Amino acid sequence: MASVAYIGLGSNLGHPRRRLARALTELARLPRTQLVAASGNYLTAPVGAGEPQPDYVNAVAALRTALAPGAVLRHLRAIERRHGRRQQRGERRNAPRLLDLDLLLFGRRRLSQSRLIVPHPRMHERAFVLRPLLDIAPAATIPGRGAARTWLRSVRGQRIDRTRTAVWR
């Protein structure tokens, strides 16, 4: 049975808009998966960065998939590696990124495993996730937290601007 998975995309190094567009193309090619929607691009200030770094380009994509959540995560990590990301032990959480792909939601499922937590544990704290998510899923619900829309007030102070460039059509 297929589920809808929401994927957060972000990049702030090496032509971020192009990198997100290429990542979306790769997401659309995953086995037993269909890319059904993608938000516009958002330019956002880094959140929780310990050092100055460039702004991010962020978006959210919706996938209809028959893959299990762990398989989706493995594909996301493989796409990141193809784009030059090398995750290392001790990597700083909010360091600059060539490409960052996060599994935000997987249907209404809640999972807590060593390398996979769904829903993403900090998604409700991030305008760069909530705004693009609500573009493509206005009634989105975060399991265990309620309607995604209700969390927008708490992230009002985070700078986020929609760009004119679409990620995917």
C-alpha atoms as a PDB file:
ATOM      1  CA  MET A   1       0.000   0.000   0.000  1.00  0.00           C
ATOM      2  CA  ALA A   2       1.358   3.424  -0.921  1.00  0.00           C
ATOM      3  CA  SER A   3       1.943   6.186   1.612  1.00  0.00           C
ATOM      4  CA  VAL A   4       2.628   9.871   1.127  1.00  0.00           C
ATOM      5  CA  ALA A   5       6.046  10.910   2.375  1.00  0.00           C
ATOM      6  CA  TYR A   6       7.083  14.553   2.723  1.00  0.00           C
ATOM      7  CA  ILE A   7      10.744  15.316   2.121  1.00  0.00           C
ATOM      8  CA  GLY A   8      12.507  18.513   3.189  1.00  0.00           C
ATOM      9  CA  LEU A   9      15.193  19.721   0.776  1.00  0.00           C
ATOM     10  CA  GLY A  10      17.869  22.276   1.609  1.00  0.00           C
ATOM     11  CA  SER A  11      21.173  23.568   0.287  1.00  0.00           C
ATOM     12  CA  ASN A  12      23.373  26.577   0.899  1.00  0.00           C
ATOM     13  CA  LEU A  13      26.541  25.613  -0.990  1.00  0.00           C
ATOM     14  CA  GLY A  14      27.355  25.107  -4.672  1.00  0.00           C
ATOM     15  CA  HIS A  15      24.393  26.485  -6.692  1.00  0.00           C
ATOM     16  CA  PRO A  16      21.592  25.546  -4.264  1.00  0.00           C
ATOM     17  CA  ARG A  17      18.659  26.102  -6.652  1.00  0.00           C
ATOM     18  CA  ARG A  18      20.134  23.810  -9.289  1.00  0.00           C
ATOM     19  CA  ARG A  19      21.050  21.249  -6.661  1.00  0.00           C
ATOM     20  CA  LEU A  20      17.468  21.133  -5.344  1.00  0.00           C
ATOM     21  CA  ALA A  21      16.076  20.778  -8.872  1.00  0.00           C
ATOM     22  CA  ARG A  22      18.441  17.868  -9.556  1.00  0.00           C
ATOM     23  CA  ALA A  23      17.572  16.230  -6.247  1.00  0.00           C
ATOM     24  CA  LEU A  24      13.872  16.442  -7.125  1.00  0.00           C
ATOM     25  CA  THR A  25      14.572  14.735 -10.428  1.00  0.00           C
ATOM     26  CA  GLU A  26      16.297  11.939  -8.516  1.00  0.00           C
ATOM     27  CA  LEU A  27      13.413  11.671  -6.039  1.00  0.00           C
ATOM     28  CA  ALA A  28      11.002  11.309  -8.971  1.00  0.00           C
ATOM     29  CA  ARG A  29      13.042   8.327 -10.206  1.00  0.00           C
ATOM     30  CA  LEU A  30      12.951   6.322  -6.975  1.00  0.00           C
ATOM     31  CA  PRO A  31      11.514   2.820  -7.427  1.00  0.00           C
ATOM     32  CA  ARG A  32       7.817   2.336  -6.622  1.00  0.00           C
ATOM     33  CA  THR A  33       7.560   6.082  -6.021  1.00  0.00           C
ATOM     34  CA  GLN A  34       5.897   9.036  -7.696  1.00  0.00           C
ATOM     35  CA  LEU A  35       6.726  12.704  -7.088  1.00  0.00           C
ATOM     36  CA  VAL A  36       3.271  14.242  -6.656  1.00  0.00           C
ATOM     37  CA  ALA A  37       4.050  17.807  -5.546  1.00  0.00           C
ATOM     38  CA  ALA A  38       6.849  20.207  -4.721  1.00  0.00           C
ATOM     39  CA  SER A  39       6.702  23.608  -3.094  1.00  0.00           C
ATOM     40  CA  GLY A  40       8.334  26.695  -4.448  1.00  0.00           C
ATOM     41  CA  ASN A  41      11.832  27.626  -3.350  1.00  0.00           C
ATOM     42  CA  TYR A  42      12.296  29.594  -0.152  1.00  0.00           C
ATOM     43  CA  LEU A  43      15.376  31.608   0.762  1.00  0.00           C
ATOM     44  CA  THR A  44      15.974  31.225   4.487  1.00  0.00           C
ATOM     45  CA  ALA A  45      18.447  32.340   7.095  1.00  0.00           C
ATOM     46  CA  PRO A  46      20.431  29.510   8.721  1.00  0.00           C
ATOM     47  CA  VAL A  47      18.798  28.333  11.963  1.00  0.00           C
ATOM     48  CA  GLY A  48      21.020  27.562  14.928  1.00  0.00           C
ATOM     49  CA  ALA A  49      24.256  28.108  13.001  1.00  0.00           C
ATOM     50  CA  GLY A  50      27.286  28.553  15.199  1.00  0.00           C
ATOM     51  CA  GLU A  51      29.184  30.414  12.469  1.00  0.00           C
ATOM     52  CA  PRO A  52      28.299  32.790   9.617  1.00  0.00           C
ATOM     53  CA  GLN A  53      27.170  30.933   6.508  1.00  0.00           C
ATOM     54  CA  PRO A  54      25.187  31.602   3.323  1.00  0.00           C
ATOM     55  CA  ASP A  55      21.400  31.572   3.277  1.00  0.00           C
ATOM     56  CA  TYR A  56      19.689  28.312   2.408  1.00  0.00           C
ATOM     57  CA  VAL A  57      17.355  27.487  -0.418  1.00  0.00           C
ATOM     58  CA  ASN A  58      14.646  25.183   0.954  1.00  0.00           C
ATOM     59  CA  ALA A  59      11.632  23.330  -0.416  1.00  0.00           C
ATOM     60  CA  VAL A  60       9.379  20.392   0.447  1.00  0.00           C
ATOM     61  CA  ALA A  61       8.346  17.553  -1.874  1.00  0.00           C
ATOM     62  CA  ALA A  62       5.519  15.027  -1.584  1.00  0.00           C
ATOM     63  CA  LEU A  63       6.162  11.462  -2.733  1.00  0.00           C
ATOM     64  CA  ARG A  64       3.596   8.699  -3.098  1.00  0.00           C
ATOM     65  CA  THR A  65       5.626   5.584  -2.357  1.00  0.00           C
ATOM     66  CA  ALA A  66       5.262   1.877  -1.752  1.00  0.00           C
ATOM     67  CA  LEU A  67       8.725   1.837  -0.137  1.00  0.00           C
ATOM     68  CA  ALA A  68       9.146   1.423   3.614  1.00  0.00           C
ATOM     69  CA  PRO A  69      10.332   4.478   5.592  1.00  0.00           C
ATOM     70  CA  GLY A  70      13.809   2.985   6.112  1.00  0.00           C
ATOM     71  CA  ALA A  71      14.186   2.372   2.377  1.00  0.00           C
ATOM     72  CA  VAL A  72      13.170   5.961   1.627  1.00  0.00           C
ATOM     73  CA  LEU A  73      15.777   7.193   4.110  1.00  0.00           C
ATOM     74  CA  ARG A  74      18.482   5.039   2.493  1.00  0.00           C
ATOM     75  CA  HIS A  75      17.615   6.519  -0.912  1.00  0.00           C
ATOM     76  CA  LEU A  76      17.758  10.056   0.535  1.00  0.00           C
ATOM     77  CA  ARG A  77      21.241   9.418   1.954  1.00  0.00           C
ATOM     78  CA  ALA A  78      22.393   7.970  -1.400  1.00  0.00           C
ATOM     79  CA  ILE A  79      21.156  11.086  -3.223  1.00  0.00           C
ATOM     80  CA  GLU A  80      22.997  13.302  -0.713  1.00  0.00           C
ATOM     81  CA  ARG A  81      26.203  11.326  -1.298  1.00  0.00           C
ATOM     82  CA  ARG A  82      25.858  11.673  -5.082  1.00  0.00           C
ATOM     83  CA  HIS A  83      25.698  15.434  -4.514  1.00  0.00           C
ATOM     84  CA  GLY A  84      28.943  15.391  -2.541  1.00  0.00           C
ATOM     85  CA  ARG A  85      27.702  15.226   1.026  1.00  0.00           C
ATOM     86  CA  ARG A  86      29.895  13.201   3.312  1.00  0.00           C
ATOM     87  CA  GLN A  87      28.356  12.594   6.704  1.00  0.00           C
ATOM     88  CA  GLN A  88      30.934  12.046   9.363  1.00  0.00           C
ATOM     89  CA  ARG A  89      30.772  11.208  13.010  1.00  0.00           C
ATOM     90  CA  GLY A  90      30.554  14.408  14.981  1.00  0.00           C
ATOM     91  CA  GLU A  91      29.273  16.448  12.017  1.00  0.00           C
ATOM     92  CA  ARG A  92      27.744  19.653  13.324  1.00  0.00           C
ATOM     93  CA  ARG A  93      23.952  19.601  13.164  1.00  0.00           C
ATOM     94  CA  ASN A  94      23.545  23.012  11.495  1.00  0.00           C
ATOM     95  CA  ALA A  95      26.703  23.133   9.378  1.00  0.00           C
ATOM     96  CA  PRO A  96      26.576  24.393   5.758  1.00  0.00           C
ATOM     97  CA  ARG A  97      25.264  21.769   3.346  1.00  0.00           C
ATOM     98  CA  LEU A  98      25.664  20.892  -0.313  1.00  0.00           C
ATOM     99  CA  LEU A  99      22.382  19.001   0.019  1.00  0.00           C
ATOM    100  CA  ASP A 100      20.257  18.044   2.988  1.00  0.00           C
ATOM    101  CA  LEU A 101      17.268  15.726   2.529  1.00  0.00           C
ATOM    102  CA  ASP A 102      15.054  15.001   5.530  1.00  0.00           C
ATOM    103  CA  LEU A 103      12.165  12.562   5.806  1.00  0.00           C
ATOM    104  CA  LEU A 104       9.642  14.836   7.514  1.00  0.00           C
ATOM    105  CA  LEU A 105       6.420  12.828   7.494  1.00  0.00           C
ATOM    106  CA  PHE A 106       5.465   9.351   6.332  1.00  0.00           C
ATOM    107  CA  GLY A 107       1.696   9.114   6.190  1.00  0.00           C
ATOM    108  CA  ARG A 108       0.409   9.293   9.753  1.00  0.00           C
ATOM    109  CA  ARG A 109       3.165   7.051  11.066  1.00  0.00           C
ATOM    110  CA  ARG A 110       5.276   7.680  14.143  1.00  0.00           C
ATOM    111  CA  LEU A 111       8.643   5.925  14.242  1.00  0.00           C
ATOM    112  CA  SER A 112      11.535   6.177  16.649  1.00  0.00           C
ATOM    113  CA  GLN A 113      14.566   4.168  15.610  1.00  0.00           C
ATOM    114  CA  SER A 114      18.274   4.831  16.045  1.00  0.00           C
ATOM    115  CA  ARG A 115      18.657   6.507  12.631  1.00  0.00           C
ATOM    116  CA  LEU A 116      15.059   7.322  11.760  1.00  0.00           C
ATOM    117  CA  ILE A 117      12.565   9.432  13.660  1.00  0.00           C
ATOM    118  CA  VAL A 118       9.245  10.279  11.995  1.00  0.00           C
ATOM    119  CA  PRO A 119       7.837  12.843  12.167  1.00  0.00           C
ATOM    120  CA  HIS A 120      11.086  14.784  11.999  1.00  0.00           C
ATOM    121  CA  PRO A 121      11.653  15.842  15.630  1.00  0.00           C
ATOM    122  CA  ARG A 122      12.317  19.544  14.918  1.00  0.00           C
ATOM    123  CA  MET A 123      10.084  20.194  11.911  1.00  0.00           C
ATOM    124  CA  HIS A 124       7.526  22.128  13.974  1.00  0.00           C
ATOM    125  CA  GLU A 125      10.300  24.570  15.024  1.00  0.00           C
ATOM    126  CA  ARG A 126      11.332  25.521  11.484  1.00  0.00           C
ATOM    127  CA  ALA A 127       9.666  28.010   9.179  1.00  0.00           C
ATOM    128  CA  PHE A 128      11.744  26.607   6.316  1.00  0.00           C
ATOM    129  CA  VAL A 129       9.850  23.320   6.725  1.00  0.00           C
ATOM    130  CA  LEU A 130       6.388  24.534   7.711  1.00  0.00           C
ATOM    131  CA  ARG A 131       5.845  27.200   5.034  1.00  0.00           C
ATOM    132  CA  PRO A 132       6.766  25.030   2.019  1.00  0.00           C
ATOM    133  CA  LEU A 133       4.943  22.030   3.528  1.00  0.00           C
ATOM    134  CA  LEU A 134       1.762  24.071   3.862  1.00  0.00           C
ATOM    135  CA  ASP A 135       2.114  25.242   0.245  1.00  0.00           C
ATOM    136  CA  ILE A 136       1.603  21.684  -0.977  1.00  0.00           C
ATOM    137  CA  ALA A 137      -0.410  20.237   1.937  1.00  0.00           C
ATOM    138  CA  PRO A 138      -2.471  23.016   3.577  1.00  0.00           C
ATOM    139  CA  ALA A 139      -4.157  20.550   5.941  1.00  0.00           C
ATOM    140  CA  ALA A 140      -0.940  18.741   6.947  1.00  0.00           C
ATOM    141  CA  THR A 141      -0.909  17.230  10.404  1.00  0.00           C
ATOM    142  CA  ILE A 142       2.211  16.402  12.393  1.00  0.00           C
ATOM    143  CA  PRO A 143       1.465  13.162  14.266  1.00  0.00           C
ATOM    144  CA  GLY A 144       1.640  13.818  17.990  1.00  0.00           C
ATOM    145  CA  ARG A 145       1.687  17.609  17.510  1.00  0.00           C
ATOM    146  CA  GLY A 146      -1.449  18.472  15.547  1.00  0.00           C
ATOM    147  CA  ALA A 147      -2.031  20.746  12.584  1.00  0.00           C
ATOM    148  CA  ALA A 148       1.184  22.055  11.026  1.00  0.00           C
ATOM    149  CA  ARG A 149      -0.488  25.441  10.501  1.00  0.00           C
ATOM    150  CA  THR A 150      -0.786  25.988  14.271  1.00  0.00           C
ATOM    151  CA  TRP A 151       3.016  25.969  14.609  1.00  0.00           C
ATOM    152  CA  LEU A 152       3.564  28.920  12.243  1.00  0.00           C
ATOM    153  CA  ARG A 153       3.140  31.470  15.054  1.00  0.00           C
ATOM    154  CA  SER A 154       6.043  29.988  16.989  1.00  0.00           C
ATOM    155  CA  VAL A 155       8.443  30.439  14.030  1.00  0.00           C
ATOM    156  CA  ARG A 156       7.275  33.919  13.026  1.00  0.00           C
ATOM    157  CA  GLY A 157      10.681  35.457  13.824  1.00  0.00           C
ATOM    158  CA  GLN A 158      12.604  33.221  11.388  1.00  0.00           C
ATOM    159  CA  ARG A 159      13.454  34.950   8.097  1.00  0.00           C
ATOM    160  CA  ILE A 160      11.981  33.168   5.094  1.00  0.00           C
ATOM    161  CA  ASP A 161      11.240  34.584   1.639  1.00  0.00           C
ATOM    162  CA  ARG A 162       9.645  32.776  -1.270  1.00  0.00           C
ATOM    163  CA  THR A 163      11.728  33.081  -4.424  1.00  0.00           C
ATOM    164  CA  ARG A 164      10.426  33.404  -7.966  1.00  0.00           C
ATOM    165  CA  THR A 165      12.234  30.283  -9.112  1.00  0.00           C
ATOM    166  CA  ALA A 166      10.179  27.091  -9.049  1.00  0.00           C
ATOM    167  CA  VAL A 167      11.928  23.894  -8.020  1.00  0.00           C
ATOM    168  CA  TRP A 168       9.708  21.538  -9.990  1.00  0.00           C
ATOM    169  CA  ARG A 169       6.696  21.791 -12.271  1.00  0.00           C
END
